[in-house]
Amino acid sequence: MFRFFKKKPKSALDEINLLTVQMYRPYIIHNKDISDEKVLEIVQTVMRAFKQAAESKDENITGETLMNISAKFVKVYDLGGQDLFIEHLKYEISKYLDSGLRHDYL
């Protein structure tokens, strides 16, 4: 009878995703309608792209640096949307592969 009132238990991954969104949401100023799922997608896409690029150079980018990079890309998405985000990500990956990480990412 009281099962209706029970909350579904959250997994550890659900909690991590929630904390990730909460950490990056303050960077969204102009487009408050960006969904939590989209914020998580942006962060995951950026981190995955830079990690793969680093691995191709036999380098390692720290978690803190990946978080800094992701914050900048959340801002890019907020200002310019999906198309600018993708174009800028391609540009920054290419720049990293050619000349290393920007100093403002560190």
Protein backbone atom coordinates (compact mmCIF):
# COMPACT_ATOMS: atom_id res chain seq x y z
CA MET A 1 0.00 0.00 0.00
CA PHE A 2 2.75 2.49 0.86
CA ARG A 3 5.04 1.48 -2.02
CA PHE A 4 3.59 4.42 -3.94
CA PHE A 5 5.39 6.85 -1.64
CA LYS A 6 8.79 5.17 -1.84
CA LYS A 7 11.36 6.99 -3.91
CA LYS A 8 13.29 5.00 -6.46
CA PRO A 9 16.83 4.53 -5.16
CA LYS A 10 19.46 6.36 -7.17
CA SER A 11 22.59 4.71 -8.43
CA ALA A 12 26.06 6.09 -7.80
CA LEU A 13 26.18 7.11 -11.47
CA ASP A 14 22.94 9.08 -11.08
CA GLU A 15 24.47 10.93 -8.13
CA ILE A 16 27.69 11.68 -10.02
CA ASN A 17 25.72 12.96 -13.01
CA LEU A 18 23.60 15.18 -10.76
CA LEU A 19 26.69 16.63 -9.07
CA THR A 20 28.33 17.20 -12.45
CA VAL A 21 25.34 19.16 -13.72
CA GLN A 22 25.17 21.17 -10.50
CA MET A 23 28.86 22.04 -10.86
CA TYR A 24 28.56 23.31 -14.46
CA ARG A 25 25.07 24.87 -14.43
CA PRO A 26 26.35 28.18 -12.89
CA TYR A 27 28.34 28.76 -16.10
CA ILE A 28 25.08 28.94 -18.04
CA ILE A 29 23.98 32.56 -18.01
CA HIS A 30 22.30 33.33 -21.33
CA ASN A 31 20.27 30.19 -22.09
CA LYS A 32 18.75 28.87 -18.88
CA ASP A 33 16.65 26.39 -20.90
CA ILE A 34 19.62 24.08 -21.53
CA SER A 35 18.59 20.74 -20.06
CA ASP A 36 20.56 18.82 -17.47
CA GLU A 37 21.02 16.06 -20.03
CA LYS A 38 22.55 18.55 -22.48
CA VAL A 39 24.92 19.95 -19.85
CA LEU A 40 26.07 16.42 -19.07
CA GLU A 41 26.45 15.66 -22.79
CA ILE A 42 28.60 18.77 -23.32
CA VAL A 43 30.90 17.92 -20.42
CA GLN A 44 31.24 14.27 -21.44
CA THR A 45 31.86 15.14 -25.10
CA VAL A 46 34.57 17.66 -24.25
CA MET A 47 36.32 15.41 -21.75
CA ARG A 48 36.18 12.41 -24.09
CA ALA A 49 37.52 14.41 -27.05
CA PHE A 50 40.45 15.87 -25.12
CA LYS A 51 41.29 12.54 -23.46
CA GLN A 52 41.36 10.81 -26.86
CA ALA A 53 43.51 13.59 -28.31
CA ALA A 54 45.89 13.33 -25.33
CA GLU A 55 46.13 9.56 -25.72
CA SER A 56 47.00 9.99 -29.39
CA LYS A 57 49.94 12.17 -28.27
CA ASP A 58 50.83 9.71 -25.52
CA GLU A 59 50.03 12.42 -22.97
CA ASN A 60 47.72 12.71 -19.99
CA ILE A 61 45.46 15.64 -19.15
CA THR A 62 44.63 15.91 -15.45
CA GLY A 63 41.06 15.74 -14.23
CA GLU A 64 41.28 19.31 -12.97
CA THR A 65 42.36 20.53 -16.40
CA LEU A 66 39.59 18.57 -18.10
CA MET A 67 37.12 20.23 -15.74
CA ASN A 68 38.49 23.68 -16.62
CA ILE A 69 38.24 22.93 -20.34
CA SER A 70 34.69 21.64 -19.92
CA ALA A 71 33.65 24.81 -18.07
CA LYS A 72 34.87 26.92 -20.98
CA PHE A 73 32.94 24.79 -23.45
CA VAL A 74 29.74 24.98 -21.39
CA LYS A 75 30.11 28.77 -21.75
CA VAL A 76 30.66 28.41 -25.51
CA TYR A 77 27.50 26.33 -25.83
CA ASP A 78 25.59 28.84 -23.70
CA LEU A 79 26.64 31.72 -25.96
CA GLY A 80 26.55 30.08 -29.38
CA GLY A 81 24.61 26.85 -29.29
CA GLN A 82 25.38 23.45 -30.75
CA ASP A 83 26.96 24.52 -34.05
CA LEU A 84 29.47 26.91 -32.48
CA PHE A 85 30.22 24.36 -29.76
CA ILE A 86 31.08 21.64 -32.29
CA GLU A 87 33.14 23.95 -34.50
CA HIS A 88 35.05 25.36 -31.54
CA LEU A 89 35.68 21.88 -30.13
CA LYS A 90 37.14 20.75 -33.47
CA TYR A 91 39.33 23.87 -33.59
CA GLU A 92 40.58 23.47 -30.02
CA ILE A 93 41.35 19.77 -30.46
CA SER A 94 43.31 20.58 -33.61
CA LYS A 95 45.16 23.37 -31.80
CA TYR A 96 45.97 21.04 -28.91
CA LEU A 97 47.28 18.37 -31.27
CA ASP A 98 49.46 20.93 -33.08
CA SER A 99 50.77 23.06 -30.22
CA GLY A 100 49.61 21.72 -26.86
CA LEU A 101 47.09 22.94 -24.33
CA ARG A 102 46.26 26.60 -23.98
CA HIS A 103 47.70 28.08 -20.80
CA ASP A 104 44.27 29.29 -19.69
CA TYR A 105 43.09 25.64 -19.55
CA LEU A 106 45.65 24.78 -16.92
